[in-house]
Protein backbone atom coordinates (compact mmCIF):
# COMPACT_ATOMS: atom_id res chain seq x y z
CA UNK A 1 0.00 0.00 0.00
CA UNK A 2 1.42 3.36 -1.04
CA UNK A 3 1.04 6.12 1.56
CA UNK A 4 0.97 9.77 0.54
CA UNK A 5 1.65 12.92 2.58
CA UNK A 6 -1.38 14.93 3.68
CA UNK A 7 -1.54 18.12 5.72
CA UNK A 8 -4.74 18.32 7.75
CA UNK A 9 -5.76 21.80 8.89
CA UNK A 10 -8.00 21.80 11.93
CA UNK A 11 -9.37 23.72 14.90
CA UNK A 12 -10.85 22.60 18.22
CA UNK A 13 -12.60 24.10 21.22
CA UNK A 14 -9.37 25.72 22.49
CA UNK A 15 -8.39 27.57 19.29
CA UNK A 16 -10.15 28.90 16.19
CA UNK A 17 -7.18 29.62 13.94
CA UNK A 18 -6.34 26.44 12.01
CA UNK A 19 -3.34 24.35 13.05
CA UNK A 20 -1.63 21.84 10.75
CA UNK A 21 -0.67 18.20 11.18
CA UNK A 22 1.17 15.98 8.71
CA UNK A 23 0.06 12.40 8.14
CA UNK A 24 1.09 9.61 5.80
CA UNK A 25 -2.19 8.18 4.54
CA UNK A 26 -3.87 6.24 1.74
CA UNK A 27 -6.21 9.16 0.97
CA UNK A 28 -7.72 12.26 2.56
CA UNK A 29 -10.32 10.26 4.49
CA UNK A 30 -7.55 8.14 6.02
CA UNK A 31 -5.66 11.32 6.99
CA UNK A 32 -8.81 12.69 8.63
CA UNK A 33 -9.28 9.42 10.54
CA UNK A 34 -5.71 9.64 11.83
CA UNK A 35 -6.21 13.22 13.02
CA UNK A 36 -9.47 12.38 14.80
CA UNK A 37 -7.82 9.37 16.42
CA UNK A 38 -5.04 11.65 17.70
CA UNK A 39 -7.39 14.54 18.63
CA UNK A 40 -11.07 13.49 18.91
CA UNK A 41 -12.23 17.06 19.57
CA UNK A 42 -10.67 18.39 16.35
CA UNK A 43 -12.81 20.02 13.69
CA UNK A 44 -11.23 19.39 10.28
CA UNK A 45 -10.99 22.60 8.25
CA UNK A 46 -9.10 21.50 5.12
CA UNK A 47 -6.99 18.60 3.83
CA UNK A 48 -4.27 19.00 1.20
CA UNK A 49 -2.13 16.29 -0.37
CA UNK A 50 1.31 17.75 0.35
CA UNK A 51 4.04 17.62 2.97
CA UNK A 52 4.54 21.40 2.85
CA UNK A 53 2.60 23.35 5.49
CA UNK A 54 3.00 26.62 3.56
CA UNK A 55 1.43 25.09 0.44
CA UNK A 56 -1.41 23.66 2.54
CA UNK A 57 -2.25 27.07 4.02
CA UNK A 58 -1.89 28.82 0.63
CA UNK A 59 -4.28 26.29 -0.93
CA UNK A 60 -6.72 26.68 1.95
CA UNK A 61 -6.77 30.47 1.69
CA UNK A 62 -7.04 30.44 -2.11
CA UNK A 63 -9.69 27.73 -2.47
CA UNK A 64 -11.80 28.26 0.65
CA UNK A 65 -12.42 31.97 0.19
CA UNK A 66 -15.57 32.85 -1.69
CA UNK A 67 -15.95 36.46 -2.66
CA UNK A 68 -19.16 37.90 -4.01
CA UNK A 69 -18.82 40.03 -7.10
CA UNK A 70 -21.46 42.71 -7.40
PDB file of N, CA and C in Angstrom:
ATOM      1  N   UNK A   1       0.843  -1.179   0.000  1.00  0.00           N
ATOM      2  CA  UNK A   1       0.000   0.000   0.000  1.00  0.00           C
ATOM      3  C   UNK A   1       0.890   1.245   0.000  1.00  0.00           C
ATOM      4  N   UNK A   2       0.615   2.154  -0.896  1.00  0.00           N
ATOM      5  CA  UNK A   2       1.417   3.365  -1.042  1.00  0.00           C
ATOM      6  C   UNK A   2       0.794   4.495  -0.226  1.00  0.00           C
ATOM      7  N   UNK A   3       1.538   5.016   0.749  1.00  0.00           N
ATOM      8  CA  UNK A   3       1.044   6.122   1.558  1.00  0.00           C
ATOM      9  C   UNK A   3       1.531   7.441   0.987  1.00  0.00           C
ATOM     10  N   UNK A   4       0.675   8.442   1.069  1.00  0.00           N
ATOM     11  CA  UNK A   4       0.966   9.773   0.542  1.00  0.00           C
ATOM     12  C   UNK A   4       0.945  10.781   1.687  1.00  0.00           C
ATOM     13  N   UNK A   5       1.680  11.894   1.529  1.00  0.00           N
ATOM     14  CA  UNK A   5       1.652  12.920   2.576  1.00  0.00           C
ATOM     15  C   UNK A   5       0.401  13.791   2.464  1.00  0.00           C
ATOM     16  N   UNK A   6      -0.225  14.043   3.603  1.00  0.00           N
ATOM     17  CA  UNK A   6      -1.378  14.929   3.680  1.00  0.00           C
ATOM     18  C   UNK A   6      -1.198  15.866   4.860  1.00  0.00           C
ATOM     19  N   UNK A   7      -1.466  17.143   4.631  1.00  0.00           N
ATOM     20  CA  UNK A   7      -1.537  18.118   5.716  1.00  0.00           C
ATOM     21  C   UNK A   7      -3.016  18.298   6.025  1.00  0.00           C
ATOM     22  N   UNK A   8      -3.367  18.111   7.301  1.00  0.00           N
ATOM     23  CA  UNK A   8      -4.739  18.319   7.751  1.00  0.00           C
ATOM     24  C   UNK A   8      -4.753  19.608   8.573  1.00  0.00           C
ATOM     25  N   UNK A   9      -5.560  20.560   8.142  1.00  0.00           N
ATOM     26  CA  UNK A   9      -5.757  21.802   8.888  1.00  0.00           C
ATOM     27  C   UNK A   9      -6.996  21.620   9.747  1.00  0.00           C
ATOM     28  N   UNK A  10      -6.899  22.039  11.006  1.00  0.00           N
ATOM     29  CA  UNK A  10      -8.004  21.797  11.931  1.00  0.00           C
ATOM     30  C   UNK A  10      -8.035  22.839  13.046  1.00  0.00           C
ATOM     31  N   UNK A  11      -9.184  22.916  13.697  1.00  0.00           N
ATOM     32  CA  UNK A  11      -9.368  23.719  14.899  1.00  0.00           C
ATOM     33  C   UNK A  11      -9.966  22.797  15.960  1.00  0.00           C
ATOM     34  N   UNK A  12     -10.086  23.304  17.182  1.00  0.00           N
ATOM     35  CA  UNK A  12     -10.845  22.599  18.215  1.00  0.00           C
ATOM     36  C   UNK A  12     -11.396  23.622  19.194  1.00  0.00           C
ATOM     37  N   UNK A  13     -11.940  23.163  20.312  1.00  0.00           N
ATOM     38  CA  UNK A  13     -12.601  24.102  21.216  1.00  0.00           C
ATOM     39  C   UNK A  13     -11.636  25.081  21.883  1.00  0.00           C
ATOM     40  N   UNK A  14     -10.327  24.824  21.829  1.00  0.00           N
ATOM     41  CA  UNK A  14      -9.373  25.716  22.488  1.00  0.00           C
ATOM     42  C   UNK A  14      -8.752  26.748  21.551  1.00  0.00           C
ATOM     43  N   UNK A  15      -8.926  26.593  20.236  1.00  0.00           N
ATOM     44  CA  UNK A  15      -8.391  27.569  19.289  1.00  0.00           C
ATOM     45  C   UNK A  15      -9.222  27.574  18.018  1.00  0.00           C
ATOM     46  N   UNK A  16      -9.326  28.762  17.396  1.00  0.00           N
ATOM     47  CA  UNK A  16     -10.155  28.898  16.195  1.00  0.00           C
ATOM     48  C   UNK A  16      -9.342  29.170  14.941  1.00  0.00           C
ATOM     49  N   UNK A  17      -8.063  29.456  15.092  1.00  0.00           N
ATOM     50  CA  UNK A  17      -7.180  29.617  13.937  1.00  0.00           C
ATOM     51  C   UNK A  17      -6.634  28.237  13.594  1.00  0.00           C
ATOM     52  N   UNK A  18      -6.752  27.803  12.350  1.00  0.00           N
ATOM     53  CA  UNK A  18      -6.338  26.436  12.010  1.00  0.00           C
ATOM     54  C   UNK A  18      -4.871  26.134  12.330  1.00  0.00           C
ATOM     55  N   UNK A  19      -4.661  24.936  12.848  1.00  0.00           N
ATOM     56  CA  UNK A  19      -3.345  24.346  13.055  1.00  0.00           C
ATOM     57  C   UNK A  19      -3.161  23.290  11.972  1.00  0.00           C
ATOM     58  N   UNK A  20      -1.923  22.833  11.789  1.00  0.00           N
ATOM     59  CA  UNK A  20      -1.635  21.843  10.751  1.00  0.00           C
ATOM     60  C   UNK A  20      -0.960  20.614  11.350  1.00  0.00           C
ATOM     61  N   UNK A  21      -1.331  19.455  10.836  1.00  0.00           N
ATOM     62  CA  UNK A  21      -0.669  18.199  11.182  1.00  0.00           C
ATOM     63  C   UNK A  21      -0.397  17.430   9.903  1.00  0.00           C
ATOM     64  N   UNK A  22       0.771  16.796   9.865  1.00  0.00           N
ATOM     65  CA  UNK A  22       1.174  15.985   8.709  1.00  0.00           C
ATOM     66  C   UNK A  22       0.916  14.515   8.999  1.00  0.00           C
ATOM     67  N   UNK A  23       0.301  13.833   8.035  1.00  0.00           N
ATOM     68  CA  UNK A  23       0.058  12.399   8.137  1.00  0.00           C
ATOM     69  C   UNK A  23       0.457  11.712   6.846  1.00  0.00           C
ATOM     70  N   UNK A  24       0.891  10.476   6.961  1.00  0.00           N
ATOM     71  CA  UNK A  24       1.092   9.610   5.801  1.00  0.00           C
ATOM     72  C   UNK A  24      -0.157   8.746   5.728  1.00  0.00           C
ATOM     73  N   UNK A  25      -0.887   8.845   4.625  1.00  0.00           N
ATOM     74  CA  UNK A  25      -2.188   8.185   4.541  1.00  0.00           C
ATOM     75  C   UNK A  25      -2.466   7.689   3.130  1.00  0.00           C
ATOM     76  N   UNK A  26      -3.436   6.785   3.032  1.00  0.00           N
ATOM     77  CA  UNK A  26      -3.866   6.245   1.736  1.00  0.00           C
ATOM     78  C   UNK A  26      -4.601   7.301   0.928  1.00  0.00           C
ATOM     79  N   UNK A  27      -5.415   8.123   1.616  1.00  0.00           N
ATOM     80  CA  UNK A  27      -6.215   9.159   0.969  1.00  0.00           C
ATOM     81  C   UNK A  27      -6.604  10.186   2.029  1.00  0.00           C
ATOM     82  N   UNK A  28      -7.362  11.195   1.628  1.00  0.00           N
ATOM     83  CA  UNK A  28      -7.719  12.260   2.556  1.00  0.00           C
ATOM     84  C   UNK A  28      -8.600  11.763   3.707  1.00  0.00           C
ATOM     85  N   UNK A  29      -9.474  10.800   3.428  1.00  0.00           N
ATOM     86  CA  UNK A  29     -10.317  10.257   4.487  1.00  0.00           C
ATOM     87  C   UNK A  29      -9.474   9.552   5.545  1.00  0.00           C
ATOM     88  N   UNK A  30      -8.455   8.829   5.101  1.00  0.00           N
ATOM     89  CA  UNK A  30      -7.552   8.137   6.022  1.00  0.00           C
ATOM     90  C   UNK A  30      -6.777   9.151   6.868  1.00  0.00           C
ATOM     91  N   UNK A  31      -6.349  10.261   6.255  1.00  0.00           N
ATOM     92  CA  UNK A  31      -5.657  11.318   6.993  1.00  0.00           C
ATOM     93  C   UNK A  31      -6.576  11.920   8.051  1.00  0.00           C
ATOM     94  N   UNK A  32      -7.839  12.147   7.676  1.00  0.00           N
ATOM     95  CA  UNK A  32      -8.810  12.688   8.635  1.00  0.00           C
ATOM     96  C   UNK A  32      -9.027  11.714   9.794  1.00  0.00           C
ATOM     97  N   UNK A  33      -9.129  10.427   9.490  1.00  0.00           N
ATOM     98  CA  UNK A  33      -9.284   9.417  10.542  1.00  0.00           C
ATOM     99  C   UNK A  33      -8.106   9.448  11.510  1.00  0.00           C
ATOM    100  N   UNK A  34      -6.901   9.600  10.968  1.00  0.00           N
ATOM    101  CA  UNK A  34      -5.712   9.641  11.825  1.00  0.00           C
ATOM    102  C   UNK A  34      -5.743  10.862  12.743  1.00  0.00           C
ATOM    103  N   UNK A  35      -6.129  12.015  12.200  1.00  0.00           N
ATOM    104  CA  UNK A  35      -6.214  13.217  13.023  1.00  0.00           C
ATOM    105  C   UNK A  35      -7.228  13.023  14.144  1.00  0.00           C
ATOM    106  N   UNK A  36      -8.411  12.531  13.803  1.00  0.00           N
ATOM    107  CA  UNK A  36      -9.466  12.377  14.802  1.00  0.00           C
ATOM    108  C   UNK A  36      -9.119  11.314  15.838  1.00  0.00           C
ATOM    109  N   UNK A  37      -8.299  10.353  15.459  1.00  0.00           N
ATOM    110  CA  UNK A  37      -7.815   9.371  16.424  1.00  0.00           C
ATOM    111  C   UNK A  37      -6.847  10.031  17.406  1.00  0.00           C
ATOM    112  N   UNK A  38      -6.029  10.929  16.889  1.00  0.00           N
ATOM    113  CA  UNK A  38      -5.042  11.654  17.699  1.00  0.00           C
ATOM    114  C   UNK A  38      -5.706  12.744  18.545  1.00  0.00           C
ATOM    115  N   UNK A  39      -6.729  13.412  17.977  1.00  0.00           N
ATOM    116  CA  UNK A  39      -7.387  14.536  18.634  1.00  0.00           C
ATOM    117  C   UNK A  39      -8.894  14.456  18.352  1.00  0.00           C
ATOM    118  N   UNK A  40      -9.632  13.693  19.164  1.00  0.00           N
ATOM    119  CA  UNK A  40     -11.066  13.487  18.912  1.00  0.00           C
ATOM    120  C   UNK A  40     -11.910  14.764  18.903  1.00  0.00           C
ATOM    121  N   UNK A  41     -11.436  15.827  19.538  1.00  0.00           N
ATOM    122  CA  UNK A  41     -12.232  17.060  19.570  1.00  0.00           C
ATOM    123  C   UNK A  41     -11.915  17.988  18.404  1.00  0.00           C
ATOM    124  N   UNK A  42     -11.049  17.552  17.490  1.00  0.00           N
ATOM    125  CA  UNK A  42     -10.671  18.391  16.353  1.00  0.00           C
ATOM    126  C   UNK A  42     -11.834  18.561  15.385  1.00  0.00           C
ATOM    127  N   UNK A  43     -11.851  19.719  14.755  1.00  0.00           N
ATOM    128  CA  UNK A  43     -12.813  20.022  13.692  1.00  0.00           C
ATOM    129  C   UNK A  43     -11.989  20.252  12.428  1.00  0.00           C
ATOM    130  N   UNK A  44     -12.043  19.312  11.492  1.00  0.00           N
ATOM    131  CA  UNK A  44     -11.230  19.390  10.277  1.00  0.00           C
ATOM    132  C   UNK A  44     -11.690  20.567   9.426  1.00  0.00           C
ATOM    133  N   UNK A  45     -10.728  21.409   9.055  1.00  0.00           N
ATOM    134  CA  UNK A  45     -10.987  22.597   8.255  1.00  0.00           C
ATOM    135  C   UNK A  45     -10.685  22.348   6.789  1.00  0.00           C
ATOM    136  N   UNK A  46      -9.548  21.700   6.505  1.00  0.00           N
ATOM    137  CA  UNK A  46      -9.101  21.503   5.124  1.00  0.00           C
ATOM    138  C   UNK A  46      -8.072  20.396   5.106  1.00  0.00           C
ATOM    139  N   UNK A  47      -7.999  19.648   4.000  1.00  0.00           N
ATOM    140  CA  UNK A  47      -6.994  18.598   3.826  1.00  0.00           C
ATOM    141  C   UNK A  47      -6.353  18.798   2.462  1.00  0.00           C
ATOM    142  N   UNK A  48      -5.013  18.796   2.440  1.00  0.00           N
ATOM    143  CA  UNK A  48      -4.271  19.003   1.200  1.00  0.00           C
ATOM    144  C   UNK A  48      -3.233  17.892   1.061  1.00  0.00           C
ATOM    145  N   UNK A  49      -3.138  17.311  -0.126  1.00  0.00           N
ATOM    146  CA  UNK A  49      -2.127  16.291  -0.368  1.00  0.00           C
ATOM    147  C   UNK A  49      -0.793  16.972  -0.644  1.00  0.00           C
ATOM    148  N   UNK A  50      -0.010  17.145   0.415  1.00  0.00           N
ATOM    149  CA  UNK A  50       1.314  17.750   0.350  1.00  0.00           C
ATOM    150  C   UNK A  50       2.013  17.488   1.674  1.00  0.00           C
ATOM    151  N   UNK A  51       3.322  17.680   1.698  1.00  0.00           N
ATOM    152  CA  UNK A  51       4.043  17.619   2.969  1.00  0.00           C
ATOM    153  C   UNK A  51       4.564  19.002   3.353  1.00  0.00           C
ATOM    154  N   UNK A  52       4.102  20.024   2.639  1.00  0.00           N
ATOM    155  CA  UNK A  52       4.540  21.397   2.854  1.00  0.00           C
ATOM    156  C   UNK A  52       3.419  22.209   3.501  1.00  0.00           C
ATOM    157  N   UNK A  53       3.624  22.608   4.747  1.00  0.00           N
ATOM    158  CA  UNK A  53       2.600  23.346   5.490  1.00  0.00           C
ATOM    159  C   UNK A  53       2.254  24.652   4.795  1.00  0.00           C
ATOM    160  N   UNK A  54       3.261  25.353   4.254  1.00  0.00           N
ATOM    161  CA  UNK A  54       2.997  26.620   3.562  1.00  0.00           C
ATOM    162  C   UNK A  54       2.064  26.426   2.375  1.00  0.00           C
ATOM    163  N   UNK A  55       2.299  25.386   1.592  1.00  0.00           N
ATOM    164  CA  UNK A  55       1.434  25.091   0.444  1.00  0.00           C
ATOM    165  C   UNK A  55       0.020  24.762   0.923  1.00  0.00           C
ATOM    166  N   UNK A  56      -0.095  24.017   2.016  1.00  0.00           N
ATOM    167  CA  UNK A  56      -1.415  23.663   2.539  1.00  0.00           C
ATOM    168  C   UNK A  56      -2.202  24.917   2.918  1.00  0.00           C
ATOM    169  N   UNK A  57      -1.548  25.850   3.630  1.00  0.00           N
ATOM    170  CA  UNK A  57      -2.247  27.070   4.016  1.00  0.00           C
ATOM    171  C   UNK A  57      -2.547  27.955   2.814  1.00  0.00           C
ATOM    172  N   UNK A  58      -1.636  28.034   1.842  1.00  0.00           N
ATOM    173  CA  UNK A  58      -1.892  28.817   0.625  1.00  0.00           C
ATOM    174  C   UNK A  58      -3.094  28.255  -0.126  1.00  0.00           C
ATOM    175  N   UNK A  59      -3.160  26.936  -0.248  1.00  0.00           N
ATOM    176  CA  UNK A  59      -4.277  26.286  -0.931  1.00  0.00           C
ATOM    177  C   UNK A  59      -5.577  26.542  -0.187  1.00  0.00           C
ATOM    178  N   UNK A  60      -5.537  26.419   1.128  1.00  0.00           N
ATOM    179  CA  UNK A  60      -6.722  26.677   1.948  1.00  0.00           C
ATOM    180  C   UNK A  60      -7.234  28.098   1.741  1.00  0.00           C
ATOM    181  N   UNK A  61      -6.340  29.076   1.828  1.00  0.00           N
ATOM    182  CA  UNK A  61      -6.767  30.473   1.690  1.00  0.00           C
ATOM    183  C   UNK A  61      -7.253  30.788   0.277  1.00  0.00           C
ATOM    184  N   UNK A  62      -6.640  30.193  -0.723  1.00  0.00           N
ATOM    185  CA  UNK A  62      -7.037  30.436  -2.111  1.00  0.00           C
ATOM    186  C   UNK A  62      -8.368  29.758  -2.447  1.00  0.00           C
ATOM    187  N   UNK A  63      -8.531  28.511  -2.037  1.00  0.00           N
ATOM    188  CA  UNK A  63      -9.692  27.732  -2.467  1.00  0.00           C
ATOM    189  C   UNK A  63     -10.893  27.825  -1.528  1.00  0.00           C
ATOM    190  N   UNK A  64     -10.685  28.224  -0.290  1.00  0.00           N
ATOM    191  CA  UNK A  64     -11.803  28.258   0.646  1.00  0.00           C
ATOM    192  C   UNK A  64     -12.455  29.616   0.735  1.00  0.00           C
ATOM    193  N   UNK A  65     -11.877  30.618   0.107  1.00  0.00           N
ATOM    194  CA  UNK A  65     -12.418  31.968   0.187  1.00  0.00           C
ATOM    195  C   UNK A  65     -13.351  32.210  -0.986  1.00  0.00           C
ATOM    196  N   UNK A  66     -14.586  32.517  -0.669  1.00  0.00           N
ATOM    197  CA  UNK A  66     -15.568  32.849  -1.695  1.00  0.00           C
ATOM    198  C   UNK A  66     -15.889  34.317  -1.594  1.00  0.00           C
ATOM    199  N   UNK A  67     -15.657  35.044  -2.651  1.00  0.00           N
ATOM    200  CA  UNK A  67     -15.953  36.463  -2.664  1.00  0.00           C
ATOM    201  C   UNK A  67     -17.115  36.727  -3.610  1.00  0.00           C
ATOM    202  N   UNK A  68     -18.042  37.530  -3.157  1.00  0.00           N
ATOM    203  CA  UNK A  68     -19.159  37.896  -4.010  1.00  0.00           C
ATOM    204  C   UNK A  68     -18.749  39.067  -4.897  1.00  0.00           C
ATOM    205  N   UNK A  69     -19.095  38.961  -6.149  1.00  0.00           N
ATOM    206  CA  UNK A  69     -18.824  40.033  -7.098  1.00  0.00           C
ATOM    207  C   UNK A  69     -20.150  40.705  -7.430  1.00  0.00           C
ATOM    208  N   UNK A  70     -20.202  41.995  -7.175  1.00  0.00           N
ATOM    209  CA  UNK A  70     -21.463  42.715  -7.401  1.00  0.00           C
ATOM    210  C   UNK A  70     -21.591  43.156  -8.842  1.00  0.00           C
TER     211      UNK A  70
END
